[in-house]
C-alpha atoms as a PDB file:
ATOM      1  CA  MET A   1      27.395  19.165 -79.877  1.00  0.00           C
ATOM      2  CA  SER A   2      30.800  20.778 -80.432  1.00  0.00           C
ATOM      3  CA  ASP A   3      30.114  23.667 -78.049  1.00  0.00           C
ATOM      4  CA  CYS A   4      28.765  21.476 -75.226  1.00  0.00           C
ATOM      5  CA  THR A   5      29.796  22.606 -71.738  1.00  0.00           C
ATOM      6  CA  HIS A   6      28.542  19.372 -70.122  1.00  0.00           C
ATOM      7  CA  ASP A   7      26.354  21.460 -67.821  1.00  0.00           C
ATOM      8  CA  CYS A   8      22.944  19.892 -68.462  1.00  0.00           C
ATOM      9  CA  SER A   9      21.175  21.988 -65.822  1.00  0.00           C
ATOM     10  CA  SER A  10      20.886  25.002 -68.132  1.00  0.00           C
ATOM     11  CA  CYS A  11      20.640  23.191 -71.470  1.00  0.00           C
ATOM     12  CA  SER A  12      17.402  22.413 -73.311  1.00  0.00           C
ATOM     13  CA  GLN A  13      18.928  20.004 -75.823  1.00  0.00           C
ATOM     14  CA  ASN A  14      17.887  16.365 -75.558  1.00  0.00           C
ATOM     15  CA  CYS A  15      21.115  14.870 -76.835  1.00  0.00           C
ATOM     16  CA  SER A  16      22.286  11.294 -76.337  1.00  0.00           C
ATOM     17  CA  SER A  17      25.023  12.341 -73.933  1.00  0.00           C
ATOM     18  CA  ARG A  18      22.683  14.274 -71.670  1.00  0.00           C
ATOM     19  CA  GLN A  19      23.650  13.748 -68.015  1.00  0.00           C
ATOM     20  CA  SER A  20      21.279  13.290 -65.089  1.00  0.00           C
ATOM     21  CA  PRO A  21      21.212  16.111 -62.503  1.00  0.00           C
ATOM     22  CA  GLN A  22      23.833  15.585 -59.832  1.00  0.00           C
ATOM     23  CA  ASP A  23      22.550  14.258 -56.519  1.00  0.00           C
ATOM     24  CA  PHE A  24      24.166  16.112 -53.597  1.00  0.00           C
ATOM     25  CA  ARG A  25      22.302  14.270 -50.828  1.00  0.00           C
ATOM     26  CA  GLU A  26      24.477  12.907 -48.053  1.00  0.00           C
ATOM     27  CA  PRO A  27      23.774   9.848 -45.896  1.00  0.00           C
ATOM     28  CA  PRO A  28      23.166  10.430 -42.187  1.00  0.00           C
ATOM     29  CA  HIS A  29      25.385   8.946 -39.489  1.00  0.00           C
ATOM     30  CA  GLU A  30      25.731   5.193 -39.952  1.00  0.00           C
ATOM     31  CA  LEU A  31      24.065   4.587 -36.575  1.00  0.00           C
ATOM     32  CA  SER A  32      21.124   6.896 -37.303  1.00  0.00           C
ATOM     33  CA  ARG A  33      17.720   5.503 -38.204  1.00  0.00           C
ATOM     34  CA  ILE A  34      15.467   8.217 -39.649  1.00  0.00           C
ATOM     35  CA  LYS A  35      12.270   7.436 -41.495  1.00  0.00           C
ATOM     36  CA  LYS A  36      11.008  10.883 -42.559  1.00  0.00           C
ATOM     37  CA  VAL A  37      12.593  14.334 -42.682  1.00  0.00           C
ATOM     38  CA  ILE A  38      10.282  17.364 -42.447  1.00  0.00           C
ATOM     39  CA  GLY A  39      11.546  20.895 -43.103  1.00  0.00           C
ATOM     40  CA  VAL A  40       9.835  23.833 -41.382  1.00  0.00           C
ATOM     41  CA  VAL A  41      10.447  26.992 -43.389  1.00  0.00           C
ATOM     42  CA  SER A  42       9.377  30.597 -43.699  1.00  0.00           C
ATOM     43  CA  GLY A  43      10.231  33.388 -46.067  1.00  0.00           C
ATOM     44  CA  LYS A  44      10.781  35.874 -43.236  1.00  0.00           C
ATOM     45  CA  GLY A  45      11.630  35.886 -39.564  1.00  0.00           C
ATOM     46  CA  GLY A  46       9.317  36.348 -36.619  1.00  0.00           C
ATOM     47  CA  VAL A  47       6.382  34.273 -37.842  1.00  0.00           C
ATOM     48  CA  GLY A  48       6.775  31.432 -35.333  1.00  0.00           C
ATOM     49  CA  LYS A  49       8.709  28.863 -37.290  1.00  0.00           C
ATOM     50  CA  SER A  50      10.605  27.485 -34.286  1.00  0.00           C
ATOM     51  CA  MET A  51       7.425  27.434 -32.227  1.00  0.00           C
ATOM     52  CA  THR A  52       5.701  25.467 -34.984  1.00  0.00           C
ATOM     53  CA  SER A  53       8.627  23.031 -35.209  1.00  0.00           C
ATOM     54  CA  ALA A  54       8.495  22.413 -31.457  1.00  0.00           C
ATOM     55  CA  LEU A  55       4.702  22.061 -31.334  1.00  0.00           C
ATOM     56  CA  MET A  56       4.715  19.641 -34.270  1.00  0.00           C
ATOM     57  CA  ALA A  57       7.355  17.519 -32.553  1.00  0.00           C
ATOM     58  CA  VAL A  58       5.332  17.513 -29.332  1.00  0.00           C
ATOM     59  CA  GLU A  59       2.114  16.548 -31.134  1.00  0.00           C
ATOM     60  CA  LEU A  60       3.715  13.639 -33.027  1.00  0.00           C
ATOM     61  CA  ARG A  61       5.387  12.482 -29.825  1.00  0.00           C
ATOM     62  CA  ARG A  62       2.006  12.426 -28.107  1.00  0.00           C
ATOM     63  CA  ARG A  63       0.763  10.214 -30.914  1.00  0.00           C
ATOM     64  CA  GLY A  64       3.395   7.674 -30.006  1.00  0.00           C
ATOM     65  CA  TYR A  65       6.082   8.405 -32.587  1.00  0.00           C
ATOM     66  CA  ALA A  66       9.820   8.809 -32.019  1.00  0.00           C
ATOM     67  CA  VAL A  67      10.639  12.408 -32.913  1.00  0.00           C
ATOM     68  CA  GLY A  68      13.714  14.599 -33.275  1.00  0.00           C
ATOM     69  CA  VAL A  69      14.281  18.304 -33.906  1.00  0.00           C
ATOM     70  CA  LEU A  70      17.385  19.485 -35.748  1.00  0.00           C
ATOM     71  CA  ASP A  71      17.784  23.194 -35.014  1.00  0.00           C
ATOM     72  CA  ALA A  72      19.253  24.490 -38.270  1.00  0.00           C
ATOM     73  CA  ASP A  73      18.860  28.138 -37.244  1.00  0.00           C
ATOM     74  CA  ILE A  74      22.497  28.371 -36.230  1.00  0.00           C
ATOM     75  CA  THR A  75      22.645  32.121 -35.514  1.00  0.00           C
ATOM     76  CA  GLY A  76      19.238  32.272 -33.824  1.00  0.00           C
ATOM     77  CA  PRO A  77      18.730  28.941 -32.033  1.00  0.00           C
ATOM     78  CA  SER A  78      15.649  28.738 -29.819  1.00  0.00           C
ATOM     79  CA  ILE A  79      14.597  25.081 -29.817  1.00  0.00           C
ATOM     80  CA  PRO A  80      16.470  24.135 -26.581  1.00  0.00           C
ATOM     81  CA  LYS A  81      14.893  27.078 -24.754  1.00  0.00           C
ATOM     82  CA  LEU A  82      11.387  25.996 -25.797  1.00  0.00           C
ATOM     83  CA  PHE A  83      12.001  22.500 -24.414  1.00  0.00           C
ATOM     84  CA  GLY A  84      13.735  23.714 -21.260  1.00  0.00           C
ATOM     85  CA  ILE A  85      17.043  22.079 -22.235  1.00  0.00           C
ATOM     86  CA  HIS A  86      20.151  23.796 -20.889  1.00  0.00           C
ATOM     87  CA  GLY A  87      22.708  21.005 -20.758  1.00  0.00           C
ATOM     88  CA  ARG A  88      25.473  20.282 -23.245  1.00  0.00           C
ATOM     89  CA  ALA A  89      25.389  17.539 -25.830  1.00  0.00           C
ATOM     90  CA  VAL A  90      28.058  14.887 -25.439  1.00  0.00           C
ATOM     91  CA  GLY A  91      29.968  12.791 -27.902  1.00  0.00           C
ATOM     92  CA  ASP A  92      31.948   9.584 -27.880  1.00  0.00           C
ATOM     93  CA  GLU A  93      33.921   7.523 -30.345  1.00  0.00           C
ATOM     94  CA  ASN A  94      30.734   6.898 -32.324  1.00  0.00           C
ATOM     95  CA  GLY A  95      29.508  10.462 -32.752  1.00  0.00           C
ATOM     96  CA  ILE A  96      27.441  13.203 -31.095  1.00  0.00           C
ATOM     97  CA  TRP A  97      24.305  12.308 -29.154  1.00  0.00           C
ATOM     98  CA  PRO A  98      21.290  14.622 -29.083  1.00  0.00           C
ATOM     99  CA  ILE A  99      19.748  15.589 -25.764  1.00  0.00           C
ATOM    100  CA  GLN A 100      16.326  14.186 -24.969  1.00  0.00           C
ATOM    101  CA  SER A 101      13.537  16.402 -23.681  1.00  0.00           C
ATOM    102  CA  ARG A 102      11.262  15.494 -20.770  1.00  0.00           C
ATOM    103  CA  THR A 103       8.953  13.471 -23.038  1.00  0.00           C
ATOM    104  CA  GLY A 104      11.710  11.945 -25.168  1.00  0.00           C
ATOM    105  CA  VAL A 105      12.029  14.364 -28.104  1.00  0.00           C
ATOM    106  CA  GLN A 106      15.615  14.242 -29.409  1.00  0.00           C
ATOM    107  CA  VAL A 107      17.092  17.743 -29.823  1.00  0.00           C
ATOM    108  CA  MET A 108      20.289  19.003 -31.393  1.00  0.00           C
ATOM    109  CA  SER A 109      21.181  22.690 -31.567  1.00  0.00           C
ATOM    110  CA  ILE A 110      24.313  24.804 -31.686  1.00  0.00           C
ATOM    111  CA  ASN A 111      23.319  26.093 -28.231  1.00  0.00           C
ATOM    112  CA  LEU A 112      23.962  22.603 -26.876  1.00  0.00           C
ATOM    113  CA  LEU A 113      27.585  22.827 -27.982  1.00  0.00           C
ATOM    114  CA  LEU A 114      28.478  26.337 -26.807  1.00  0.00           C
ATOM    115  CA  GLU A 115      30.325  27.052 -23.562  1.00  0.00           C
ATOM    116  CA  ASN A 116      27.683  29.673 -22.768  1.00  0.00           C
ATOM    117  CA  GLU A 117      24.275  29.405 -24.431  1.00  0.00           C
ATOM    118  CA  GLU A 118      24.058  33.217 -24.637  1.00  0.00           C
ATOM    119  CA  ASP A 119      27.253  33.495 -26.688  1.00  0.00           C
ATOM    120  CA  PRO A 120      26.578  34.722 -30.247  1.00  0.00           C
ATOM    121  CA  VAL A 121      27.514  32.603 -33.250  1.00  0.00           C
ATOM    122  CA  VAL A 122      29.306  34.998 -35.581  1.00  0.00           C
ATOM    123  CA  TRP A 123      29.991  32.829 -38.608  1.00  0.00           C
ATOM    124  CA  ARG A 124      29.802  33.327 -42.348  1.00  0.00           C
ATOM    125  CA  GLY A 125      27.290  31.482 -44.500  1.00  0.00           C
ATOM    126  CA  PRO A 126      29.441  28.541 -45.664  1.00  0.00           C
ATOM    127  CA  VAL A 127      30.530  27.759 -42.081  1.00  0.00           C
ATOM    128  CA  ILE A 128      26.910  27.868 -40.910  1.00  0.00           C
ATOM    129  CA  ALA A 129      25.856  25.554 -43.723  1.00  0.00           C
ATOM    130  CA  GLY A 130      28.697  23.207 -42.768  1.00  0.00           C
ATOM    131  CA  ALA A 131      27.441  23.047 -39.183  1.00  0.00           C
ATOM    132  CA  VAL A 132      23.997  21.985 -40.401  1.00  0.00           C
ATOM    133  CA  LYS A 133      25.578  19.199 -42.459  1.00  0.00           C
ATOM    134  CA  GLN A 134      27.460  18.069 -39.336  1.00  0.00           C
ATOM    135  CA  PHE A 135      24.185  17.900 -37.387  1.00  0.00           C
ATOM    136  CA  TRP A 136      22.944  15.541 -40.093  1.00  0.00           C
ATOM    137  CA  GLN A 137      26.062  13.432 -40.613  1.00  0.00           C
ATOM    138  CA  GLU A 138      27.733  13.351 -37.184  1.00  0.00           C
ATOM    139  CA  VAL A 139      24.764  13.317 -34.798  1.00  0.00           C
ATOM    140  CA  ILE A 140      23.285   9.918 -33.988  1.00  0.00           C
ATOM    141  CA  TRP A 141      19.516  10.178 -34.421  1.00  0.00           C
ATOM    142  CA  LYS A 142      18.412   6.932 -32.832  1.00  0.00           C
ATOM    143  CA  ASP A 143      15.302   5.285 -34.330  1.00  0.00           C
ATOM    144  CA  VAL A 144      13.477   8.505 -35.309  1.00  0.00           C
ATOM    145  CA  ASP A 145      10.144   8.330 -37.140  1.00  0.00           C
ATOM    146  CA  PHE A 146      10.050  12.076 -37.882  1.00  0.00           C
ATOM    147  CA  LEU A 147      12.993  14.484 -37.856  1.00  0.00           C
ATOM    148  CA  PHE A 148      11.833  18.112 -37.965  1.00  0.00           C
ATOM    149  CA  VAL A 149      14.403  20.561 -39.324  1.00  0.00           C
ATOM    150  CA  ASP A 150      13.822  24.078 -38.002  1.00  0.00           C
ATOM    151  CA  MET A 151      15.363  26.298 -40.659  1.00  0.00           C
ATOM    152  CA  PRO A 152      16.310  29.978 -40.549  1.00  0.00           C
ATOM    153  CA  PRO A 153      14.091  32.353 -42.543  1.00  0.00           C
ATOM    154  CA  GLY A 154      14.690  33.125 -46.179  1.00  0.00           C
ATOM    155  CA  THR A 155      16.106  31.255 -49.129  1.00  0.00           C
ATOM    156  CA  GLY A 156      19.834  31.460 -48.413  1.00  0.00           C
ATOM    157  CA  ASP A 157      22.690  29.096 -47.608  1.00  0.00           C
ATOM    158  CA  VAL A 158      21.053  26.938 -44.938  1.00  0.00           C
ATOM    159  CA  PRO A 159      17.744  26.164 -46.711  1.00  0.00           C
ATOM    160  CA  LEU A 160      19.708  25.444 -49.876  1.00  0.00           C
ATOM    161  CA  THR A 161      22.069  23.132 -47.970  1.00  0.00           C
ATOM    162  CA  VAL A 162      19.176  21.304 -46.301  1.00  0.00           C
ATOM    163  CA  PHE A 163      17.265  20.837 -49.563  1.00  0.00           C
ATOM    164  CA  GLN A 164      20.377  19.593 -51.373  1.00  0.00           C
ATOM    165  CA  THR A 165      21.960  17.507 -48.605  1.00  0.00           C
ATOM    166  CA  LEU A 166      19.075  15.983 -46.657  1.00  0.00           C
ATOM    167  CA  PRO A 167      16.423  13.661 -48.118  1.00  0.00           C
ATOM    168  CA  VAL A 168      13.573  16.025 -47.240  1.00  0.00           C
ATOM    169  CA  ASP A 169      10.219  14.227 -47.516  1.00  0.00           C
ATOM    170  CA  GLY A 170       8.135  17.379 -47.219  1.00  0.00           C
ATOM    171  CA  ILE A 171       8.059  20.924 -45.867  1.00  0.00           C
ATOM    172  CA  LEU A 172       5.660  23.007 -43.815  1.00  0.00           C
ATOM    173  CA  VAL A 173       5.571  26.708 -44.719  1.00  0.00           C
ATOM    174  CA  VAL A 174       4.862  28.968 -41.729  1.00  0.00           C
ATOM    175  CA  ALA A 175       3.142  32.297 -42.374  1.00  0.00           C
ATOM    176  CA  SER A 176       1.292  35.079 -40.564  1.00  0.00           C
ATOM    177  CA  PRO A 177      -1.962  36.811 -41.569  1.00  0.00           C
ATOM    178  CA  GLN A 178      -0.617  40.050 -43.078  1.00  0.00           C
ATOM    179  CA  GLU A 179      -1.091  40.553 -46.817  1.00  0.00           C
ATOM    180  CA  LEU A 180       2.639  41.265 -47.166  1.00  0.00           C
ATOM    181  CA  VAL A 181       3.270  37.623 -46.313  1.00  0.00           C
ATOM    182  CA  SER A 182       1.775  36.557 -49.663  1.00  0.00           C
ATOM    183  CA  MET A 183       4.960  37.547 -51.454  1.00  0.00           C
ATOM    184  CA  ILE A 184       7.153  36.008 -48.750  1.00  0.00           C
ATOM    185  CA  VAL A 185       5.300  32.688 -48.807  1.00  0.00           C
ATOM    186  CA  GLY A 186       5.561  32.692 -52.582  1.00  0.00           C
ATOM    187  CA  LYS A 187       9.337  32.837 -52.384  1.00  0.00           C
ATOM    188  CA  ALA A 188       9.505  29.861 -50.004  1.00  0.00           C
ATOM    189  CA  VAL A 189       7.050  27.843 -52.103  1.00  0.00           C
ATOM    190  CA  LYS A 190       8.881  28.571 -55.353  1.00  0.00           C
ATOM    191  CA  MET A 191      12.235  27.623 -53.835  1.00  0.00           C
ATOM    192  CA  ALA A 192      10.816  24.286 -52.713  1.00  0.00           C
ATOM    193  CA  GLN A 193       9.395  23.713 -56.182  1.00  0.00           C
ATOM    194  CA  MET A 194      12.743  24.561 -57.780  1.00  0.00           C
ATOM    195  CA  MET A 195      14.438  22.021 -55.510  1.00  0.00           C
ATOM    196  CA  ASN A 196      11.726  19.375 -56.155  1.00  0.00           C
ATOM    197  CA  VAL A 197      10.829  19.224 -52.452  1.00  0.00           C
ATOM    198  CA  PRO A 198       7.197  18.269 -51.695  1.00  0.00           C
ATOM    199  CA  ILE A 199       5.157  20.963 -49.925  1.00  0.00           C
ATOM    200  CA  LEU A 200       2.839  19.491 -47.305  1.00  0.00           C
ATOM    201  CA  GLY A 201       1.005  22.740 -46.658  1.00  0.00           C
ATOM    202  CA  ILE A 202       0.880  26.104 -44.913  1.00  0.00           C
ATOM    203  CA  VAL A 203       0.598  26.758 -41.189  1.00  0.00           C
ATOM    204  CA  GLU A 204      -0.673  30.229 -40.298  1.00  0.00           C
ATOM    205  CA  ASN A 205       0.589  31.451 -36.949  1.00  0.00           C
ATOM    206  CA  MET A 206      -0.866  34.359 -34.903  1.00  0.00           C
ATOM    207  CA  SER A 207      -4.049  33.890 -36.892  1.00  0.00           C
ATOM    208  CA  TYR A 208      -6.471  35.263 -34.292  1.00  0.00           C
ATOM    209  CA  VAL A 209      -7.127  35.876 -30.607  1.00  0.00           C
ATOM    210  CA  GLN A 210     -10.028  34.128 -28.925  1.00  0.00           C
ATOM    211  CA  CYS A 211     -11.914  36.216 -26.383  1.00  0.00           C
ATOM    212  CA  PRO A 212     -11.796  34.415 -23.001  1.00  0.00           C
ATOM    213  CA  ASP A 213     -15.259  35.716 -22.084  1.00  0.00           C
ATOM    214  CA  CYS A 214     -17.411  35.200 -25.186  1.00  0.00           C
ATOM    215  CA  GLY A 215     -15.190  32.954 -27.334  1.00  0.00           C
ATOM    216  CA  ARG A 216     -15.326  35.321 -30.331  1.00  0.00           C
ATOM    217  CA  ARG A 217     -12.322  35.214 -32.624  1.00  0.00           C
ATOM    218  CA  ILE A 218     -10.633  38.579 -33.133  1.00  0.00           C
ATOM    219  CA  ASN A 219      -8.381  39.078 -36.165  1.00  0.00           C
ATOM    220  CA  VAL A 220      -5.653  41.207 -34.602  1.00  0.00           C
ATOM    221  CA  PHE A 221      -3.763  41.659 -37.877  1.00  0.00           C
ATOM    222  CA  GLY A 222      -6.867  42.066 -40.018  1.00  0.00           C
ATOM    223  CA  ASP A 223      -8.499  39.521 -42.256  1.00  0.00           C
ATOM    224  CA  SER A 224      -6.324  36.537 -43.091  1.00  0.00           C
ATOM    225  CA  HIS A 225      -5.123  36.042 -46.671  1.00  0.00           C
ATOM    226  CA  VAL A 226      -3.637  32.600 -46.168  1.00  0.00           C
ATOM    227  CA  ASP A 227      -6.468  30.768 -47.925  1.00  0.00           C
ATOM    228  CA  GLU A 228      -5.999  32.959 -51.001  1.00  0.00           C
ATOM    229  CA  ILE A 229      -2.264  32.301 -50.909  1.00  0.00           C
ATOM    230  CA  GLY A 230      -2.800  28.570 -50.621  1.00  0.00           C
ATOM    231  CA  ALA A 231      -5.222  28.570 -53.554  1.00  0.00           C
ATOM    232  CA  LYS A 232      -2.825  30.654 -55.643  1.00  0.00           C
ATOM    233  CA  TYR A 233       0.004  28.145 -55.270  1.00  0.00           C
ATOM    234  CA  GLY A 234      -2.100  25.005 -54.980  1.00  0.00           C
ATOM    235  CA  VAL A 235      -0.949  24.377 -51.405  1.00  0.00           C
ATOM    236  CA  PRO A 236      -3.372  23.347 -48.625  1.00  0.00           C
ATOM    237  CA  VAL A 237      -3.737  25.380 -45.441  1.00  0.00           C
ATOM    238  CA  LEU A 238      -3.221  22.813 -42.700  1.00  0.00           C
ATOM    239  CA  ALA A 239      -3.572  24.870 -39.534  1.00  0.00           C
ATOM    240  CA  LYS A 240      -4.359  28.304 -38.115  1.00  0.00           C
ATOM    241  CA  LEU A 241      -2.750  28.898 -34.726  1.00  0.00           C
ATOM    242  CA  PRO A 242      -4.130  31.519 -32.331  1.00  0.00           C
ATOM    243  CA  ILE A 243      -2.239  34.110 -30.336  1.00  0.00           C
ATOM    244  CA  ASP A 244      -2.388  32.441 -26.941  1.00  0.00           C
ATOM    245  CA  PRO A 245      -0.859  33.844 -23.718  1.00  0.00           C
ATOM    246  CA  ARG A 246      -0.705  30.290 -22.374  1.00  0.00           C
ATOM    247  CA  LEU A 247       1.550  29.272 -25.248  1.00  0.00           C
ATOM    248  CA  ALA A 248       3.830  32.252 -24.621  1.00  0.00           C
ATOM    249  CA  GLU A 249       4.036  31.319 -20.956  1.00  0.00           C
ATOM    250  CA  CYS A 250       4.890  27.695 -21.741  1.00  0.00           C
ATOM    251  CA  ALA A 251       7.494  28.730 -24.316  1.00  0.00           C
ATOM    252  CA  ASP A 252       9.182  31.254 -22.011  1.00  0.00           C
ATOM    253  CA  GLY A 253       9.248  28.699 -19.215  1.00  0.00           C
ATOM    254  CA  GLY A 254      10.750  25.926 -21.329  1.00  0.00           C
ATOM    255  CA  ALA A 255       7.574  23.904 -20.935  1.00  0.00           C
ATOM    256  CA  ILE A 256       6.347  23.682 -24.530  1.00  0.00           C
ATOM    257  CA  GLU A 257       5.520  20.013 -23.955  1.00  0.00           C
ATOM    258  CA  THR A 258       2.789  20.941 -21.478  1.00  0.00           C
ATOM    259  CA  TYR A 259       0.858  23.082 -23.974  1.00  0.00           C
ATOM    260  CA  GLU A 260      -2.170  21.495 -25.594  1.00  0.00           C
ATOM    261  CA  HIS A 261      -4.271  22.817 -28.479  1.00  0.00           C
ATOM    262  CA  GLU A 262      -6.086  21.094 -31.322  1.00  0.00           C
ATOM    263  CA  ALA A 263      -5.156  23.693 -33.958  1.00  0.00           C
ATOM    264  CA  LEU A 264      -2.180  21.721 -35.303  1.00  0.00           C
ATOM    265  CA  ALA A 265      -4.075  18.440 -35.704  1.00  0.00           C
ATOM    266  CA  GLY A 266      -4.433  18.865 -39.482  1.00  0.00           C
ATOM    267  CA  ALA A 267      -0.731  19.558 -39.943  1.00  0.00           C
ATOM    268  CA  ALA A 268       0.155  16.575 -37.759  1.00  0.00           C
ATOM    269  CA  ASP A 269      -2.196  14.386 -39.808  1.00  0.00           C
ATOM    270  CA  ALA A 270      -0.422  15.437 -43.034  1.00  0.00           C
ATOM    271  CA  VAL A 271       3.002  14.590 -41.560  1.00  0.00           C
ATOM    272  CA  GLN A 272       1.787  11.314 -40.080  1.00  0.00           C
ATOM    273  CA  ALA A 273       0.379  10.256 -43.459  1.00  0.00           C
ATOM    274  CA  LEU A 274       3.921  10.199 -44.880  1.00  0.00           C
ATOM    275  CA  LEU A 275       4.474   6.880 -43.121  1.00  0.00           C
ATOM    276  CA  GLY A 276       1.528   5.401 -45.009  1.00  0.00           C
END
């Protein structure tokens, strides 16, 4: 066509010169060996996305897999704290090496590169997105079966960079019980669909409190709507995590690897199935 702009992404014509969509994915470090990349996303903050990322890594590690966590929440990193890691990552002529947790989970976070882990990261979006790409391309992820990418909330620069740059094999969407979350989950699901990223399912955090005396489940935030949300978007609900003081204690003490609960078994099964 005479008025062709050669931008096939917004064109509905099926002409002979139609171009395939451009692939922006980047290879990892040449020494890295990563089988599956799992994104952990949420449409809003404060729903327990980092906690879910850490617990998923711990569960897959217990099942005998080699696991890594890439903390892509550059301005709000919390993964090292959950694992009780306070050292600094080191590099050599080959690249940057992640720090291993007590049970062997490989972790990389901006907090492991700062002089003081309490220093704020005051960067603009493109610089933050560039740091995430560096964690993928310059960090040596040694023989990892599952690399969990803990992303910041929303649908901005970092999730877009991860979806475009990394070969994401599937995502877990983290939600909470409030009805408001329906709209938020919808945004995360639709972004993944736009980017052609498979959605493994939804994990509902803070779903209930279990009475220590009678065992009755109490819905602190009212009745859950996550099953309705899952049905609306055709996405399975893989897990419902309780509000558990023991989990809070383990997280605050950097001992997330000592916490045990069967609630995430379904989500772990869905991730494990990616290896066939």
